[in-house]
Amino acid sequence: MATIVLDVNGMTCDGCVKAVQKAIAAKDPNAVVVVNRIVGRVAVDGKLTLDEAAEAIRGAGYEAQAAVTG
């Protein structure tokens, strides 16, 4: 499994966190998803590519792109 990290805009509550987790789980049920809505970051440890994870999150109604680090 590989870990990917995304910046996600628009998460404001625990319901948003659950929606993002559900969107990822629909694509990869075995993925481990860690969401920090305060900083707008999602880490996914699973089989999804960055593009697949971002697409799943966008499908849930949030903006998602590769996290900028450094």
PDB file of N, CA and C in Angstrom:
ATOM      1  N   MET A   1       0.834  -1.183   0.000  1.00  0.00           N
ATOM      2  CA  MET A   1       0.000   0.000   0.000  1.00  0.00           C
ATOM      3  C   MET A   1       0.877   1.243   0.000  1.00  0.00           C
ATOM      4  N   ALA A   2       0.406   2.241  -0.682  1.00  0.00           N
ATOM      5  CA  ALA A   2       1.119   3.515  -0.732  1.00  0.00           C
ATOM      6  C   ALA A   2       0.271   4.590  -0.066  1.00  0.00           C
ATOM      7  N   THR A   3       0.935   5.534   0.576  1.00  0.00           N
ATOM      8  CA  THR A   3       0.218   6.639   1.210  1.00  0.00           C
ATOM      9  C   THR A   3       0.275   7.854   0.309  1.00  0.00           C
ATOM     10  N   ILE A   4      -0.887   8.430   0.061  1.00  0.00           N
ATOM     11  CA  ILE A   4      -0.965   9.672  -0.702  1.00  0.00           C
ATOM     12  C   ILE A   4      -1.599  10.727   0.191  1.00  0.00           C
ATOM     13  N   VAL A   5      -1.218  11.967  -0.036  1.00  0.00           N
ATOM     14  CA  VAL A   5      -1.715  13.069   0.789  1.00  0.00           C
ATOM     15  C   VAL A   5      -2.325  14.115  -0.127  1.00  0.00           C
ATOM     16  N   LEU A   6      -3.532  14.557   0.224  1.00  0.00           N
ATOM     17  CA  LEU A   6      -4.247  15.543  -0.578  1.00  0.00           C
ATOM     18  C   LEU A   6      -4.649  16.734   0.269  1.00  0.00           C
ATOM     19  N   ASP A   7      -4.657  17.900  -0.355  1.00  0.00           N
ATOM     20  CA  ASP A   7      -5.250  19.086   0.244  1.00  0.00           C
ATOM     21  C   ASP A   7      -6.701  19.106  -0.212  1.00  0.00           C
ATOM     22  N   VAL A   8      -7.615  19.242   0.742  1.00  0.00           N
ATOM     23  CA  VAL A   8      -9.046  19.206   0.440  1.00  0.00           C
ATOM     24  C   VAL A   8      -9.697  20.467   0.991  1.00  0.00           C
ATOM     25  N   ASN A   9     -10.377  21.189   0.127  1.00  0.00           N
ATOM     26  CA  ASN A   9     -11.068  22.416   0.527  1.00  0.00           C
ATOM     27  C   ASN A   9     -12.552  22.145   0.724  1.00  0.00           C
ATOM     28  N   GLY A  10     -13.136  22.812   1.718  1.00  0.00           N
ATOM     29  CA  GLY A  10     -14.576  22.752   1.915  1.00  0.00           C
ATOM     30  C   GLY A  10     -15.041  21.879   3.060  1.00  0.00           C
ATOM     31  N   MET A  11     -14.126  21.194   3.736  1.00  0.00           N
ATOM     32  CA  MET A  11     -14.535  20.365   4.876  1.00  0.00           C
ATOM     33  C   MET A  11     -14.706  21.261   6.099  1.00  0.00           C
ATOM     34  N   THR A  12     -15.920  21.301   6.635  1.00  0.00           N
ATOM     35  CA  THR A  12     -16.188  22.206   7.753  1.00  0.00           C
ATOM     36  C   THR A  12     -16.729  21.514   8.995  1.00  0.00           C
ATOM     37  N   CYS A  13     -17.072  20.230   8.892  1.00  0.00           N
ATOM     38  CA  CYS A  13     -17.693  19.561  10.039  1.00  0.00           C
ATOM     39  C   CYS A  13     -17.384  18.070  10.010  1.00  0.00           C
ATOM     40  N   ASP A  14     -17.830  17.372  11.048  1.00  0.00           N
ATOM     41  CA  ASP A  14     -17.617  15.930  11.112  1.00  0.00           C
ATOM     42  C   ASP A  14     -18.360  15.200   9.994  1.00  0.00           C
ATOM     43  N   GLY A  15     -19.477  15.757   9.556  1.00  0.00           N
ATOM     44  CA  GLY A  15     -20.200  15.167   8.432  1.00  0.00           C
ATOM     45  C   GLY A  15     -19.374  15.196   7.161  1.00  0.00           C
ATOM     46  N   CYS A  16     -18.611  16.267   6.984  1.00  0.00           N
ATOM     47  CA  CYS A  16     -17.716  16.378   5.829  1.00  0.00           C
ATOM     48  C   CYS A  16     -16.636  15.305   5.896  1.00  0.00           C
ATOM     49  N   VAL A  17     -16.084  15.115   7.083  1.00  0.00           N
ATOM     50  CA  VAL A  17     -15.051  14.090   7.279  1.00  0.00           C
ATOM     51  C   VAL A  17     -15.612  12.721   6.906  1.00  0.00           C
ATOM     52  N   LYS A  18     -16.806  12.416   7.378  1.00  0.00           N
ATOM     53  CA  LYS A  18     -17.428  11.124   7.082  1.00  0.00           C
ATOM     54  C   LYS A  18     -17.712  10.970   5.595  1.00  0.00           C
ATOM     55  N   ALA A  19     -18.111  12.059   4.935  1.00  0.00           N
ATOM     56  CA  ALA A  19     -18.382  12.002   3.497  1.00  0.00           C
ATOM     57  C   ALA A  19     -17.110  11.688   2.717  1.00  0.00           C
ATOM     58  N   VAL A  20     -15.999  12.291   3.111  1.00  0.00           N
ATOM     59  CA  VAL A  20     -14.716  12.035   2.444  1.00  0.00           C
ATOM     60  C   VAL A  20     -14.287  10.589   2.697  1.00  0.00           C
ATOM     61  N   GLN A  21     -14.393  10.139   3.932  1.00  0.00           N
ATOM     62  CA  GLN A  21     -14.030   8.755   4.254  1.00  0.00           C
ATOM     63  C   GLN A  21     -14.889   7.767   3.467  1.00  0.00           C
ATOM     64  N   LYS A  22     -16.168   8.041   3.359  1.00  0.00           N
ATOM     65  CA  LYS A  22     -17.088   7.166   2.626  1.00  0.00           C
ATOM     66  C   LYS A  22     -16.755   7.145   1.136  1.00  0.00           C
ATOM     67  N   ALA A  23     -16.401   8.302   0.583  1.00  0.00           N
ATOM     68  CA  ALA A  23     -16.059   8.381  -0.838  1.00  0.00           C
ATOM     69  C   ALA A  23     -14.824   7.541  -1.152  1.00  0.00           C
ATOM     70  N   ILE A  24     -13.828   7.602  -0.273  1.00  0.00           N
ATOM     71  CA  ILE A  24     -12.620   6.796  -0.477  1.00  0.00           C
ATOM     72  C   ILE A  24     -12.942   5.317  -0.290  1.00  0.00           C
ATOM     73  N   ALA A  25     -13.700   4.989   0.746  1.00  0.00           N
ATOM     74  CA  ALA A  25     -14.049   3.593   1.025  1.00  0.00           C
ATOM     75  C   ALA A  25     -14.835   2.959  -0.120  1.00  0.00           C
ATOM     76  N   ALA A  26     -15.612   3.758  -0.830  1.00  0.00           N
ATOM     77  CA  ALA A  26     -16.378   3.233  -1.964  1.00  0.00           C
ATOM     78  C   ALA A  26     -15.453   2.760  -3.081  1.00  0.00           C
ATOM     79  N   LYS A  27     -14.296   3.382  -3.195  1.00  0.00           N
ATOM     80  CA  LYS A  27     -13.324   3.019  -4.238  1.00  0.00           C
ATOM     81  C   LYS A  27     -12.313   1.987  -3.749  1.00  0.00           C
ATOM     82  N   ASP A  28     -11.982   2.032  -2.452  1.00  0.00           N
ATOM     83  CA  ASP A  28     -11.014   1.106  -1.859  1.00  0.00           C
ATOM     84  C   ASP A  28     -11.446   0.812  -0.419  1.00  0.00           C
ATOM     85  N   PRO A  29     -12.255  -0.233  -0.234  1.00  0.00           N
ATOM     86  CA  PRO A  29     -12.798  -0.533   1.094  1.00  0.00           C
ATOM     87  C   PRO A  29     -11.737  -0.804   2.164  1.00  0.00           C
ATOM     88  N   ASN A  30     -10.544  -1.189   1.754  1.00  0.00           N
ATOM     89  CA  ASN A  30      -9.492  -1.510   2.714  1.00  0.00           C
ATOM     90  C   ASN A  30      -8.563  -0.340   3.004  1.00  0.00           C
ATOM     91  N   ALA A  31      -8.806   0.795   2.395  1.00  0.00           N
ATOM     92  CA  ALA A  31      -7.938   1.957   2.595  1.00  0.00           C
ATOM     93  C   ALA A  31      -8.056   2.481   4.023  1.00  0.00           C
ATOM     94  N   VAL A  32      -6.937   2.967   4.524  1.00  0.00           N
ATOM     95  CA  VAL A  32      -6.918   3.660   5.809  1.00  0.00           C
ATOM     96  C   VAL A  32      -6.913   5.149   5.485  1.00  0.00           C
ATOM     97  N   VAL A  33      -7.921   5.868   5.981  1.00  0.00           N
ATOM     98  CA  VAL A  33      -8.087   7.283   5.654  1.00  0.00           C
ATOM     99  C   VAL A  33      -7.970   8.104   6.930  1.00  0.00           C
ATOM    100  N   VAL A  34      -7.066   9.078   6.904  1.00  0.00           N
ATOM    101  CA  VAL A  34      -6.900   9.984   8.038  1.00  0.00           C
ATOM    102  C   VAL A  34      -7.229  11.389   7.542  1.00  0.00           C
ATOM    103  N   VAL A  35      -8.228  12.012   8.164  1.00  0.00           N
ATOM    104  CA  VAL A  35      -8.692  13.327   7.735  1.00  0.00           C
ATOM    105  C   VAL A  35      -8.435  14.346   8.836  1.00  0.00           C
ATOM    106  N   ASN A  36      -7.814  15.460   8.458  1.00  0.00           N
ATOM    107  CA  ASN A  36      -7.657  16.597   9.368  1.00  0.00           C
ATOM    108  C   ASN A  36      -8.401  17.760   8.726  1.00  0.00           C
ATOM    109  N   ARG A  37      -9.646  17.973   9.158  1.00  0.00           N
ATOM    110  CA  ARG A  37     -10.459  19.021   8.528  1.00  0.00           C
ATOM    111  C   ARG A  37      -9.986  20.413   8.903  1.00  0.00           C
ATOM    112  N   ILE A  38      -9.290  20.552  10.036  1.00  0.00           N
ATOM    113  CA  ILE A  38      -8.806  21.865  10.462  1.00  0.00           C
ATOM    114  C   ILE A  38      -7.810  22.421   9.447  1.00  0.00           C
ATOM    115  N   VAL A  39      -6.893  21.584   8.991  1.00  0.00           N
ATOM    116  CA  VAL A  39      -5.895  22.036   8.010  1.00  0.00           C
ATOM    117  C   VAL A  39      -6.274  21.648   6.587  1.00  0.00           C
ATOM    118  N   GLY A  40      -7.358  20.875   6.440  1.00  0.00           N
ATOM    119  CA  GLY A  40      -7.812  20.499   5.107  1.00  0.00           C
ATOM    120  C   GLY A  40      -6.908  19.494   4.426  1.00  0.00           C
ATOM    121  N   ARG A  41      -6.511  18.479   5.162  1.00  0.00           N
ATOM    122  CA  ARG A  41      -5.593  17.487   4.606  1.00  0.00           C
ATOM    123  C   ARG A  41      -6.146  16.084   4.821  1.00  0.00           C
ATOM    124  N   VAL A  42      -5.973  15.249   3.792  1.00  0.00           N
ATOM    125  CA  VAL A  42      -6.427  13.866   3.846  1.00  0.00           C
ATOM    126  C   VAL A  42      -5.271  12.964   3.436  1.00  0.00           C
ATOM    127  N   ALA A  43      -4.984  11.962   4.254  1.00  0.00           N
ATOM    128  CA  ALA A  43      -3.977  10.954   3.922  1.00  0.00           C
ATOM    129  C   ALA A  43      -4.704   9.638   3.663  1.00  0.00           C
ATOM    130  N   VAL A  44      -4.343   8.994   2.570  1.00  0.00           N
ATOM    131  CA  VAL A  44      -4.976   7.733   2.193  1.00  0.00           C
ATOM    132  C   VAL A  44      -3.885   6.684   2.016  1.00  0.00           C
ATOM    133  N   ASP A  45      -3.977   5.621   2.780  1.00  0.00           N
ATOM    134  CA  ASP A  45      -3.045   4.506   2.664  1.00  0.00           C
ATOM    135  C   ASP A  45      -3.828   3.350   2.067  1.00  0.00           C
ATOM    136  N   GLY A  46      -3.588   3.085   0.799  1.00  0.00           N
ATOM    137  CA  GLY A  46      -4.350   2.046   0.125  1.00  0.00           C
ATOM    138  C   GLY A  46      -3.888   1.843  -1.297  1.00  0.00           C
ATOM    139  N   LYS A  47      -4.788   1.347  -2.127  1.00  0.00           N
ATOM    140  CA  LYS A  47      -4.469   0.996  -3.507  1.00  0.00           C
ATOM    141  C   LYS A  47      -4.743   2.112  -4.508  1.00  0.00           C
ATOM    142  N   LEU A  48      -5.424   3.173  -4.088  1.00  0.00           N
ATOM    143  CA  LEU A  48      -5.803   4.233  -5.017  1.00  0.00           C
ATOM    144  C   LEU A  48      -4.607   5.077  -5.431  1.00  0.00           C
ATOM    145  N   THR A  49      -4.650   5.541  -6.670  1.00  0.00           N
ATOM    146  CA  THR A  49      -3.673   6.527  -7.114  1.00  0.00           C
ATOM    147  C   THR A  49      -4.118   7.896  -6.620  1.00  0.00           C
ATOM    148  N   LEU A  50      -3.242   8.853  -6.732  1.00  0.00           N
ATOM    149  CA  LEU A  50      -3.580  10.225  -6.348  1.00  0.00           C
ATOM    150  C   LEU A  50      -4.796  10.705  -7.129  1.00  0.00           C
ATOM    151  N   ASP A  51      -4.801  10.464  -8.429  1.00  0.00           N
ATOM    152  CA  ASP A  51      -5.920  10.916  -9.263  1.00  0.00           C
ATOM    153  C   ASP A  51      -7.231  10.232  -8.881  1.00  0.00           C
ATOM    154  N   GLU A  52      -7.171   8.939  -8.581  1.00  0.00           N
ATOM    155  CA  GLU A  52      -8.385   8.214  -8.197  1.00  0.00           C
ATOM    156  C   GLU A  52      -8.945   8.727  -6.869  1.00  0.00           C
ATOM    157  N   ALA A  53      -8.058   8.977  -5.910  1.00  0.00           N
ATOM    158  CA  ALA A  53      -8.508   9.492  -4.613  1.00  0.00           C
ATOM    159  C   ALA A  53      -9.088  10.893  -4.761  1.00  0.00           C
ATOM    160  N   ALA A  54      -8.414  11.744  -5.533  1.00  0.00           N
ATOM    161  CA  ALA A  54      -8.906  13.107  -5.745  1.00  0.00           C
ATOM    162  C   ALA A  54     -10.263  13.084  -6.438  1.00  0.00           C
ATOM    163  N   GLU A  55     -10.418  12.208  -7.419  1.00  0.00           N
ATOM    164  CA  GLU A  55     -11.697  12.097  -8.134  1.00  0.00           C
ATOM    165  C   GLU A  55     -12.812  11.654  -7.185  1.00  0.00           C
ATOM    166  N   ALA A  56     -12.519  10.704  -6.309  1.00  0.00           N
ATOM    167  CA  ALA A  56     -13.520  10.233  -5.349  1.00  0.00           C
ATOM    168  C   ALA A  56     -13.943  11.361  -4.417  1.00  0.00           C
ATOM    169  N   ILE A  57     -12.974  12.135  -3.944  1.00  0.00           N
ATOM    170  CA  ILE A  57     -13.277  13.242  -3.034  1.00  0.00           C
ATOM    171  C   ILE A  57     -14.052  14.334  -3.761  1.00  0.00           C
ATOM    172  N   ARG A  58     -13.676  14.621  -4.995  1.00  0.00           N
ATOM    173  CA  ARG A  58     -14.421  15.613  -5.787  1.00  0.00           C
ATOM    174  C   ARG A  58     -15.857  15.149  -6.000  1.00  0.00           C
ATOM    175  N   GLY A  59     -16.034  13.848  -6.184  1.00  0.00           N
ATOM    176  CA  GLY A  59     -17.370  13.288  -6.353  1.00  0.00           C
ATOM    177  C   GLY A  59     -18.246  13.485  -5.122  1.00  0.00           C
ATOM    178  N   ALA A  60     -17.606  13.645  -3.970  1.00  0.00           N
ATOM    179  CA  ALA A  60     -18.338  13.901  -2.730  1.00  0.00           C
ATOM    180  C   ALA A  60     -18.609  15.390  -2.537  1.00  0.00           C
ATOM    181  N   GLY A  61     -18.112  16.216  -3.468  1.00  0.00           N
ATOM    182  CA  GLY A  61     -18.418  17.644  -3.423  1.00  0.00           C
ATOM    183  C   GLY A  61     -17.336  18.546  -2.873  1.00  0.00           C
ATOM    184  N   TYR A  62     -16.111  18.047  -2.787  1.00  0.00           N
ATOM    185  CA  TYR A  62     -15.013  18.846  -2.238  1.00  0.00           C
ATOM    186  C   TYR A  62     -13.917  19.020  -3.276  1.00  0.00           C
ATOM    187  N   GLU A  63     -13.178  20.109  -3.166  1.00  0.00           N
ATOM    188  CA  GLU A  63     -12.022  20.327  -4.030  1.00  0.00           C
ATOM    189  C   GLU A  63     -10.861  19.535  -3.455  1.00  0.00           C
ATOM    190  N   ALA A  64     -10.141  18.810  -4.309  1.00  0.00           N
ATOM    191  CA  ALA A  64      -9.017  18.004  -3.837  1.00  0.00           C
ATOM    192  C   ALA A  64      -7.891  18.043  -4.853  1.00  0.00           C
ATOM    193  N   GLN A  65      -6.674  18.167  -4.344  1.00  0.00           N
ATOM    194  CA  GLN A  65      -5.483  18.131  -5.185  1.00  0.00           C
ATOM    195  C   GLN A  65      -4.316  17.628  -4.349  1.00  0.00           C
ATOM    196  N   ALA A  66      -3.232  17.274  -5.020  1.00  0.00           N
ATOM    197  CA  ALA A  66      -2.040  16.794  -4.317  1.00  0.00           C
ATOM    198  C   ALA A  66      -1.603  17.828  -3.292  1.00  0.00           C
ATOM    199  N   ALA A  67      -1.233  17.354  -2.122  1.00  0.00           N
ATOM    200  CA  ALA A  67      -0.786  18.256  -1.060  1.00  0.00           C
ATOM    201  C   ALA A  67       0.551  18.880  -1.427  1.00  0.00           C
ATOM    202  N   VAL A  68       0.678  20.134  -1.097  1.00  0.00           N
ATOM    203  CA  VAL A  68       1.934  20.846  -1.297  1.00  0.00           C
ATOM    204  C   VAL A  68       2.697  20.774   0.017  1.00  0.00           C
ATOM    205  N   THR A  69       3.888  20.218  -0.036  1.00  0.00           N
ATOM    206  CA  THR A  69       4.707  20.103   1.169  1.00  0.00           C
ATOM    207  C   THR A  69       6.032  20.808   0.956  1.00  0.00           C
ATOM    208  N   GLY A  70       6.664  21.108   2.074  1.00  0.00           N
ATOM    209  CA  GLY A  70       8.000  21.679   1.974  1.00  0.00           C
ATOM    210  C   GLY A  70       8.093  23.090   2.213  1.00  0.00           C
TER     211      GLY A  70
END
